[in-house]
Amino acid sequence: MPKRGETVLIMGVNGKVGQAATQIATWRGARVIGVVRKPEPYAGHASAPVAVIDSSSDDIAARVKELTEGRGANIVFNTVGDPYYIAGTAAMAKLGRHIFIVAINSHVPLDIFGLYRGRHTYVGIDTLALSSIETADVLRELRPAFESGALRPFPIVPSAVHPLSEAAMAFAMVLASRRERIILRQFQPVVWFFVAELELFVDVLLHHVVERARPESPCDGIWLFQFQASAPRHREITKRVGGV
């Protein structure tokens, strides 16, 4: 975890992993500098301003040194891999850490002189190696930040939700680095009820999930969804949805 006051350079800041790292780093009190491949601002949520470097027009290492008064980045979080290896290494501060989570080409040139002179540390992270228990421990540590709103889940765009029959197209979108959260829906459409009042939102309980209408009823084929809201103003929200 980054420490308060450290500078974190995030390669690929507008990808979903980059945005998640940005949220965590700014929540922890670190300063974030993000790298993008074209002229664009930071696209996600953060607890502090995020400086952005356009790698298509700027020298990454020189710009980082400029923004940090010559010190460089304490942490380089590389979500892209070897294409940013040289620039990321050149941007590191003394005792800096360079974190890798992906690679396109597995071999890169290693400047041993720069490594020991800078007292740098290189870290590889393989999230697939974590067990469900280890993953739960990580999420448990982040829970207070989600509860406070410092960390936020990514929004789900309706156009990015696809039925299972479109699985091949959905996976192609993922491989093409689409920024939306691509969702595969296996079952019938689910109806979501969004309660506008904040006090209801935090304490909505599902009391009666689904009740099938009687066959002899004129509403045969209709599903009943009943929600009981437990809040300062108690009320029951009953909706009928279906397709006949």
C-alpha atoms as a PDB file:
ATOM      1  CA  MET A   1       0.000   0.000   0.000  1.00  0.00           C
ATOM      2  CA  PRO A   2       1.265   3.518  -0.766  1.00  0.00           C
ATOM      3  CA  LYS A   3       2.004   5.807   2.164  1.00  0.00           C
ATOM      4  CA  ARG A   4       0.680   9.304   2.753  1.00  0.00           C
ATOM      5  CA  GLY A   5       2.782  11.834   0.898  1.00  0.00           C
ATOM      6  CA  GLU A   6       4.291   9.375  -1.573  1.00  0.00           C
ATOM      7  CA  THR A   7       4.032   9.905  -5.318  1.00  0.00           C
ATOM      8  CA  VAL A   8       2.504   7.051  -7.305  1.00  0.00           C
ATOM      9  CA  LEU A   9       2.975   6.958 -11.076  1.00  0.00           C
ATOM     10  CA  ILE A  10       0.264   4.832 -12.697  1.00  0.00           C
ATOM     11  CA  MET A  11       0.859   3.635 -16.229  1.00  0.00           C
ATOM     12  CA  GLY A  12      -2.503   3.191 -17.964  1.00  0.00           C
ATOM     13  CA  VAL A  13      -4.383   5.299 -15.435  1.00  0.00           C
ATOM     14  CA  ASN A  14      -7.691   5.264 -17.329  1.00  0.00           C
ATOM     15  CA  GLY A  15      -7.960   1.495 -17.518  1.00  0.00           C
ATOM     16  CA  LYS A  16     -10.096  -0.177 -14.858  1.00  0.00           C
ATOM     17  CA  VAL A  17      -7.062  -1.479 -12.940  1.00  0.00           C
ATOM     18  CA  GLY A  18      -5.436   1.938 -13.214  1.00  0.00           C
ATOM     19  CA  GLN A  19      -8.561   3.638 -11.922  1.00  0.00           C
ATOM     20  CA  ALA A  20      -8.805   1.200  -9.003  1.00  0.00           C
ATOM     21  CA  ALA A  21      -5.158   1.843  -8.116  1.00  0.00           C
ATOM     22  CA  THR A  22      -5.798   5.582  -8.316  1.00  0.00           C
ATOM     23  CA  GLN A  23      -8.748   5.342  -5.953  1.00  0.00           C
ATOM     24  CA  ILE A  24      -6.728   3.353  -3.410  1.00  0.00           C
ATOM     25  CA  ALA A  25      -3.624   5.545  -3.666  1.00  0.00           C
ATOM     26  CA  THR A  26      -5.502   8.836  -3.215  1.00  0.00           C
ATOM     27  CA  TRP A  27      -7.568   7.329  -0.393  1.00  0.00           C
ATOM     28  CA  ARG A  28      -4.274   6.481   1.353  1.00  0.00           C
ATOM     29  CA  GLY A  29      -3.107  10.069   0.971  1.00  0.00           C
ATOM     30  CA  ALA A  30      -0.632   9.546  -1.879  1.00  0.00           C
ATOM     31  CA  ARG A  31      -0.249  11.844  -4.863  1.00  0.00           C
ATOM     32  CA  VAL A  32      -1.099  10.224  -8.193  1.00  0.00           C
ATOM     33  CA  ILE A  33       0.384  11.002 -11.584  1.00  0.00           C
ATOM     34  CA  GLY A  34      -1.283   9.069 -14.369  1.00  0.00           C
ATOM     35  CA  VAL A  35      -0.048   8.176 -17.842  1.00  0.00           C
ATOM     36  CA  VAL A  36      -2.351   7.939 -20.860  1.00  0.00           C
ATOM     37  CA  ARG A  37      -1.707   7.245 -24.558  1.00  0.00           C
ATOM     38  CA  LYS A  38      -3.649  10.198 -25.978  1.00  0.00           C
ATOM     39  CA  PRO A  39      -4.788  13.658 -24.870  1.00  0.00           C
ATOM     40  CA  GLU A  40      -7.486  13.010 -22.264  1.00  0.00           C
ATOM     41  CA  PRO A  41      -8.167  13.755 -18.578  1.00  0.00           C
ATOM     42  CA  TYR A  42      -8.408  11.170 -15.824  1.00  0.00           C
ATOM     43  CA  ALA A  43     -11.751   9.416 -16.283  1.00  0.00           C
ATOM     44  CA  GLY A  44     -12.432   7.884 -12.874  1.00  0.00           C
ATOM     45  CA  HIS A  45     -13.111   8.687  -9.229  1.00  0.00           C
ATOM     46  CA  ALA A  46     -10.343   9.871  -6.893  1.00  0.00           C
ATOM     47  CA  SER A  47     -10.049  11.436  -3.450  1.00  0.00           C
ATOM     48  CA  ALA A  48      -7.559  14.039  -4.707  1.00  0.00           C
ATOM     49  CA  PRO A  49      -6.580  15.691  -8.003  1.00  0.00           C
ATOM     50  CA  VAL A  50      -4.771  13.453 -10.507  1.00  0.00           C
ATOM     51  CA  ALA A  51      -2.076  14.880 -12.781  1.00  0.00           C
ATOM     52  CA  VAL A  52      -2.063  13.304 -16.250  1.00  0.00           C
ATOM     53  CA  ILE A  53       0.844  12.825 -18.648  1.00  0.00           C
ATOM     54  CA  ASP A  54       0.126  12.208 -22.332  1.00  0.00           C
ATOM     55  CA  SER A  55       2.778   9.724 -23.447  1.00  0.00           C
ATOM     56  CA  SER A  56       2.092  10.524 -27.120  1.00  0.00           C
ATOM     57  CA  SER A  57       3.530  14.021 -26.714  1.00  0.00           C
ATOM     58  CA  ASP A  58       5.421  14.184 -23.387  1.00  0.00           C
ATOM     59  CA  ASP A  59       8.602  12.576 -22.078  1.00  0.00           C
ATOM     60  CA  ILE A  60       7.199  10.608 -19.127  1.00  0.00           C
ATOM     61  CA  ALA A  61      10.298  10.539 -16.942  1.00  0.00           C
ATOM     62  CA  ALA A  62      11.145  14.199 -17.555  1.00  0.00           C
ATOM     63  CA  ARG A  63       7.585  15.281 -16.797  1.00  0.00           C
ATOM     64  CA  VAL A  64       7.477  13.202 -13.587  1.00  0.00           C
ATOM     65  CA  LYS A  65      10.747  14.743 -12.401  1.00  0.00           C
ATOM     66  CA  GLU A  66       9.344  18.173 -13.195  1.00  0.00           C
ATOM     67  CA  LEU A  67       6.157  17.515 -11.205  1.00  0.00           C
ATOM     68  CA  THR A  68       8.106  16.130  -8.224  1.00  0.00           C
ATOM     69  CA  GLU A  69      10.878  18.746  -8.111  1.00  0.00           C
ATOM     70  CA  GLY A  70      13.394  16.248  -9.398  1.00  0.00           C
ATOM     71  CA  ARG A  71      12.663  13.460  -6.916  1.00  0.00           C
ATOM     72  CA  GLY A  72      10.705  11.062  -9.127  1.00  0.00           C
ATOM     73  CA  ALA A  73       7.960   8.587  -8.243  1.00  0.00           C
ATOM     74  CA  ASN A  74       8.120   6.482  -5.085  1.00  0.00           C
ATOM     75  CA  ILE A  75       5.928   3.845  -6.725  1.00  0.00           C
ATOM     76  CA  VAL A  76       5.465   3.042 -10.397  1.00  0.00           C
ATOM     77  CA  PHE A  77       2.328   0.925 -10.840  1.00  0.00           C
ATOM     78  CA  ASN A  78       2.618  -0.490 -14.332  1.00  0.00           C
ATOM     79  CA  THR A  79      -0.670  -1.865 -15.706  1.00  0.00           C
ATOM     80  CA  VAL A  80       0.694  -1.992 -19.269  1.00  0.00           C
ATOM     81  CA  GLY A  81       3.960  -3.884 -18.825  1.00  0.00           C
ATOM     82  CA  ASP A  82       7.104  -3.745 -20.918  1.00  0.00           C
ATOM     83  CA  PRO A  83       6.030  -0.871 -23.250  1.00  0.00           C
ATOM     84  CA  TYR A  84       6.358   1.439 -20.225  1.00  0.00           C
ATOM     85  CA  TYR A  85       9.225  -0.392 -18.513  1.00  0.00           C
ATOM     86  CA  ILE A  86      12.027   1.978 -19.556  1.00  0.00           C
ATOM     87  CA  ALA A  87      10.024   5.168 -18.984  1.00  0.00           C
ATOM     88  CA  GLY A  88       8.730   3.908 -15.648  1.00  0.00           C
ATOM     89  CA  THR A  89      12.189   2.915 -14.445  1.00  0.00           C
ATOM     90  CA  ALA A  90      13.628   6.286 -15.485  1.00  0.00           C
ATOM     91  CA  ALA A  91      10.897   8.058 -13.524  1.00  0.00           C
ATOM     92  CA  MET A  92      11.608   6.248 -10.217  1.00  0.00           C
ATOM     93  CA  ALA A  93      12.867   8.033  -7.131  1.00  0.00           C
ATOM     94  CA  LYS A  94      15.614   6.708  -4.892  1.00  0.00           C
ATOM     95  CA  LEU A  95      14.311   3.597  -3.113  1.00  0.00           C
ATOM     96  CA  GLY A  96      11.445   3.515  -5.608  1.00  0.00           C
ATOM     97  CA  ARG A  97       9.324   0.438  -6.304  1.00  0.00           C
ATOM     98  CA  HIS A  98       8.236  -0.636  -9.766  1.00  0.00           C
ATOM     99  CA  ILE A  99       5.182  -2.918  -9.709  1.00  0.00           C
ATOM    100  CA  PHE A 100       4.242  -5.107 -12.664  1.00  0.00           C
ATOM    101  CA  ILE A 101       0.934  -6.919 -13.145  1.00  0.00           C
ATOM    102  CA  VAL A 102       1.155  -7.773 -16.858  1.00  0.00           C
ATOM    103  CA  ALA A 103       3.650  -8.235 -19.681  1.00  0.00           C
ATOM    104  CA  ILE A 104       3.415  -8.327 -23.457  1.00  0.00           C
ATOM    105  CA  ASN A 105       7.059  -9.276 -24.069  1.00  0.00           C
ATOM    106  CA  SER A 106       8.680 -11.153 -21.211  1.00  0.00           C
ATOM    107  CA  HIS A 107      12.229  -9.858 -21.760  1.00  0.00           C
ATOM    108  CA  VAL A 108      13.377  -6.274 -21.126  1.00  0.00           C
ATOM    109  CA  PRO A 109      16.848  -4.684 -20.788  1.00  0.00           C
ATOM    110  CA  LEU A 110      17.951  -4.367 -17.153  1.00  0.00           C
ATOM    111  CA  ASP A 111      20.170  -1.447 -16.170  1.00  0.00           C
ATOM    112  CA  ILE A 112      22.004  -3.043 -13.252  1.00  0.00           C
ATOM    113  CA  PHE A 113      23.964   0.134 -12.553  1.00  0.00           C
ATOM    114  CA  GLY A 114      20.767   2.188 -12.282  1.00  0.00           C
ATOM    115  CA  LEU A 115      19.162  -0.564 -10.222  1.00  0.00           C
ATOM    116  CA  TYR A 116      21.691  -0.618  -7.413  1.00  0.00           C
ATOM    117  CA  ARG A 117      22.487   3.086  -7.526  1.00  0.00           C
ATOM    118  CA  GLY A 118      18.822   3.896  -7.208  1.00  0.00           C
ATOM    119  CA  ARG A 119      18.298   1.088  -4.672  1.00  0.00           C
ATOM    120  CA  HIS A 120      15.200   0.183  -6.646  1.00  0.00           C
ATOM    121  CA  THR A 121      12.807  -2.692  -6.004  1.00  0.00           C
ATOM    122  CA  TYR A 122      10.891  -4.553  -8.706  1.00  0.00           C
ATOM    123  CA  VAL A 123       7.707  -6.344  -7.682  1.00  0.00           C
ATOM    124  CA  GLY A 124       5.576  -8.777  -9.662  1.00  0.00           C
ATOM    125  CA  ILE A 125       1.945  -9.301  -8.652  1.00  0.00           C
ATOM    126  CA  ASP A 126      -0.105 -12.270  -9.829  1.00  0.00           C
ATOM    127  CA  THR A 127      -3.651 -11.888  -8.526  1.00  0.00           C
ATOM    128  CA  LEU A 128      -4.542 -15.326  -9.903  1.00  0.00           C
ATOM    129  CA  ALA A 129      -2.218 -16.788  -7.294  1.00  0.00           C
ATOM    130  CA  LEU A 130      -4.391 -15.490  -4.447  1.00  0.00           C
ATOM    131  CA  SER A 131      -6.867 -17.866  -2.838  1.00  0.00           C
ATOM    132  CA  SER A 132     -10.447 -16.774  -2.137  1.00  0.00           C
ATOM    133  CA  ILE A 133      -9.487 -16.359   1.523  1.00  0.00           C
ATOM    134  CA  GLU A 134      -6.526 -14.137   0.665  1.00  0.00           C
ATOM    135  CA  THR A 135      -8.693 -12.093  -1.690  1.00  0.00           C
ATOM    136  CA  ALA A 136     -11.314 -11.682   1.028  1.00  0.00           C
ATOM    137  CA  ASP A 137      -8.617 -10.400   3.398  1.00  0.00           C
ATOM    138  CA  VAL A 138      -7.667  -7.721   0.871  1.00  0.00           C
ATOM    139  CA  LEU A 139     -11.278  -6.680   0.358  1.00  0.00           C
ATOM    140  CA  ARG A 140     -11.850  -6.620   4.119  1.00  0.00           C
ATOM    141  CA  GLU A 141      -9.012  -4.140   4.468  1.00  0.00           C
ATOM    142  CA  LEU A 142     -10.658  -1.919   1.838  1.00  0.00           C
ATOM    143  CA  ARG A 143     -14.153  -2.138   3.315  1.00  0.00           C
ATOM    144  CA  PRO A 144     -13.953   1.083   5.412  1.00  0.00           C
ATOM    145  CA  ALA A 145     -13.072   3.052   2.286  1.00  0.00           C
ATOM    146  CA  PHE A 146     -16.073   1.666   0.388  1.00  0.00           C
ATOM    147  CA  GLU A 147     -18.332   2.447   3.334  1.00  0.00           C
ATOM    148  CA  SER A 148     -17.057   6.027   3.509  1.00  0.00           C
ATOM    149  CA  GLY A 149     -17.353   6.553  -0.258  1.00  0.00           C
ATOM    150  CA  ALA A 150     -13.609   7.042  -0.759  1.00  0.00           C
ATOM    151  CA  LEU A 151     -13.660   3.927  -2.954  1.00  0.00           C
ATOM    152  CA  ARG A 152     -16.471   3.474  -5.445  1.00  0.00           C
ATOM    153  CA  PRO A 153     -17.426   0.565  -7.709  1.00  0.00           C
ATOM    154  CA  PHE A 154     -17.332   1.191 -11.420  1.00  0.00           C
ATOM    155  CA  PRO A 155     -20.707   2.073 -12.962  1.00  0.00           C
ATOM    156  CA  ILE A 156     -22.414  -0.506 -15.149  1.00  0.00           C
ATOM    157  CA  VAL A 157     -23.460   0.943 -18.503  1.00  0.00           C
ATOM    158  CA  PRO A 158     -26.653  -0.694 -19.837  1.00  0.00           C
ATOM    159  CA  SER A 159     -25.184  -0.962 -23.329  1.00  0.00           C
ATOM    160  CA  ALA A 160     -22.337  -3.073 -21.912  1.00  0.00           C
ATOM    161  CA  VAL A 161     -24.684  -5.771 -20.557  1.00  0.00           C
ATOM    162  CA  HIS A 162     -25.018  -8.705 -22.967  1.00  0.00           C
ATOM    163  CA  PRO A 163     -26.958 -11.981 -22.981  1.00  0.00           C
ATOM    164  CA  LEU A 164     -25.037 -15.229 -22.853  1.00  0.00           C
ATOM    165  CA  SER A 165     -25.675 -15.747 -26.570  1.00  0.00           C
ATOM    166  CA  GLU A 166     -23.359 -12.770 -27.235  1.00  0.00           C
ATOM    167  CA  ALA A 167     -20.491 -14.179 -25.136  1.00  0.00           C
ATOM    168  CA  ALA A 168     -18.034 -14.293 -28.041  1.00  0.00           C
ATOM    169  CA  MET A 169     -18.648 -10.647 -28.876  1.00  0.00           C
ATOM    170  CA  ALA A 170     -18.373  -9.678 -25.196  1.00  0.00           C
ATOM    171  CA  PHE A 171     -15.007 -11.405 -24.810  1.00  0.00           C
ATOM    172  CA  ALA A 172     -13.807  -9.720 -28.007  1.00  0.00           C
ATOM    173  CA  MET A 173     -14.672  -6.365 -26.405  1.00  0.00           C
ATOM    174  CA  VAL A 174     -12.636  -7.280 -23.327  1.00  0.00           C
ATOM    175  CA  LEU A 175      -9.652  -8.278 -25.482  1.00  0.00           C
ATOM    176  CA  ALA A 176      -9.987  -4.979 -27.347  1.00  0.00           C
ATOM    177  CA  SER A 177      -9.521  -3.141 -24.007  1.00  0.00           C
ATOM    178  CA  ARG A 178     -12.986  -1.642 -23.905  1.00  0.00           C
ATOM    179  CA  ARG A 179     -13.240   0.598 -20.850  1.00  0.00           C
ATOM    180  CA  GLU A 180     -16.807  -0.299 -19.923  1.00  0.00           C
ATOM    181  CA  ARG A 181     -17.439  -3.143 -17.513  1.00  0.00           C
ATOM    182  CA  ILE A 182     -18.571  -5.896 -19.857  1.00  0.00           C
ATOM    183  CA  ILE A 183     -21.322  -7.933 -18.195  1.00  0.00           C
ATOM    184  CA  LEU A 184     -22.685 -11.307 -19.356  1.00  0.00           C
ATOM    185  CA  ARG A 185     -26.265 -11.947 -18.214  1.00  0.00           C
ATOM    186  CA  GLN A 186     -27.045 -15.642 -17.985  1.00  0.00           C
ATOM    187  CA  PHE A 187     -30.667 -15.607 -16.837  1.00  0.00           C
ATOM    188  CA  GLN A 188     -33.803 -13.652 -17.623  1.00  0.00           C
ATOM    189  CA  PRO A 189     -33.634  -9.874 -17.187  1.00  0.00           C
ATOM    190  CA  VAL A 190     -33.591  -8.761 -13.587  1.00  0.00           C
ATOM    191  CA  VAL A 191     -35.608  -5.718 -12.591  1.00  0.00           C
ATOM    192  CA  TRP A 192     -33.732  -3.309 -10.357  1.00  0.00           C
ATOM    193  CA  PHE A 193     -35.509  -0.764  -8.185  1.00  0.00           C
ATOM    194  CA  PHE A 194     -33.515   2.345  -7.394  1.00  0.00           C
ATOM    195  CA  VAL A 195     -34.776   4.267  -4.382  1.00  0.00           C
ATOM    196  CA  ALA A 196     -33.915   7.928  -4.666  1.00  0.00           C
ATOM    197  CA  GLU A 197     -34.052   8.822  -0.974  1.00  0.00           C
ATOM    198  CA  LEU A 198     -30.648   8.368   0.657  1.00  0.00           C
ATOM    199  CA  GLU A 199     -32.080   7.096   3.922  1.00  0.00           C
ATOM    200  CA  LEU A 200     -33.921   4.326   2.091  1.00  0.00           C
ATOM    201  CA  PHE A 201     -30.971   3.424  -0.060  1.00  0.00           C
ATOM    202  CA  VAL A 202     -28.818   2.395   2.869  1.00  0.00           C
ATOM    203  CA  ASP A 203     -31.329   0.003   4.385  1.00  0.00           C
ATOM    204  CA  VAL A 204     -33.516  -1.678   1.776  1.00  0.00           C
ATOM    205  CA  LEU A 205     -34.495  -5.227   2.690  1.00  0.00           C
ATOM    206  CA  LEU A 206     -36.000  -7.785   0.386  1.00  0.00           C
ATOM    207  CA  HIS A 207     -38.919  -9.435   2.186  1.00  0.00           C
ATOM    208  CA  HIS A 208     -40.868 -11.231  -0.503  1.00  0.00           C
ATOM    209  CA  VAL A 209     -38.741 -12.148  -3.487  1.00  0.00           C
ATOM    210  CA  VAL A 210     -41.126 -13.466  -6.083  1.00  0.00           C
ATOM    211  CA  GLU A 211     -44.743 -14.571  -5.848  1.00  0.00           C
ATOM    212  CA  ARG A 212     -46.334 -16.227  -8.823  1.00  0.00           C
ATOM    213  CA  ALA A 213     -49.800 -14.950  -9.692  1.00  0.00           C
ATOM    214  CA  ARG A 214     -52.621 -17.501  -9.522  1.00  0.00           C
ATOM    215  CA  PRO A 215     -53.302 -19.292 -12.840  1.00  0.00           C
ATOM    216  CA  GLU A 216     -56.916 -18.167 -12.809  1.00  0.00           C
ATOM    217  CA  SER A 217     -55.912 -14.568 -12.248  1.00  0.00           C
ATOM    218  CA  PRO A 218     -56.301 -12.073 -15.112  1.00  0.00           C
ATOM    219  CA  CYS A 219     -52.619 -11.293 -14.438  1.00  0.00           C
ATOM    220  CA  ASP A 220     -51.485 -14.811 -15.256  1.00  0.00           C
ATOM    221  CA  GLY A 221     -47.889 -14.685 -16.402  1.00  0.00           C
ATOM    222  CA  ILE A 222     -47.093 -11.647 -14.231  1.00  0.00           C
ATOM    223  CA  TRP A 223     -44.394 -11.778 -11.538  1.00  0.00           C
ATOM    224  CA  LEU A 224     -44.848  -9.824  -8.324  1.00  0.00           C
ATOM    225  CA  PHE A 225     -41.816  -8.235  -6.695  1.00  0.00           C
ATOM    226  CA  GLN A 226     -42.335  -6.856  -3.191  1.00  0.00           C
ATOM    227  CA  PHE A 227     -39.747  -4.821  -1.337  1.00  0.00           C
ATOM    228  CA  GLN A 228     -39.964  -3.743   2.274  1.00  0.00           C
ATOM    229  CA  ALA A 229     -37.984  -0.575   3.046  1.00  0.00           C
ATOM    230  CA  SER A 230     -36.747  -0.282   6.606  1.00  0.00           C
ATOM    231  CA  ALA A 231     -35.855   3.359   7.201  1.00  0.00           C
ATOM    232  CA  PRO A 232     -37.059   6.472   9.083  1.00  0.00           C
ATOM    233  CA  ARG A 233     -40.120   6.413   6.857  1.00  0.00           C
ATOM    234  CA  HIS A 234     -41.326   2.812   6.628  1.00  0.00           C
ATOM    235  CA  ARG A 235     -43.198   1.965   3.505  1.00  0.00           C
ATOM    236  CA  GLU A 236     -43.708  -0.929   1.166  1.00  0.00           C
ATOM    237  CA  ILE A 237     -42.855  -0.680  -2.483  1.00  0.00           C
ATOM    238  CA  THR A 238     -44.733  -3.180  -4.589  1.00  0.00           C
ATOM    239  CA  LYS A 239     -44.134  -3.457  -8.291  1.00  0.00           C
ATOM    240  CA  ARG A 240     -45.613  -5.700 -10.924  1.00  0.00           C
ATOM    241  CA  VAL A 241     -43.451  -6.493 -13.888  1.00  0.00           C
ATOM    242  CA  GLY A 242     -43.772  -9.006 -16.654  1.00  0.00           C
ATOM    243  CA  GLY A 243     -44.336  -9.613 -20.303  1.00  0.00           C
ATOM    244  CA  VAL A 244     -47.614 -11.116 -21.456  1.00  0.00           C
END
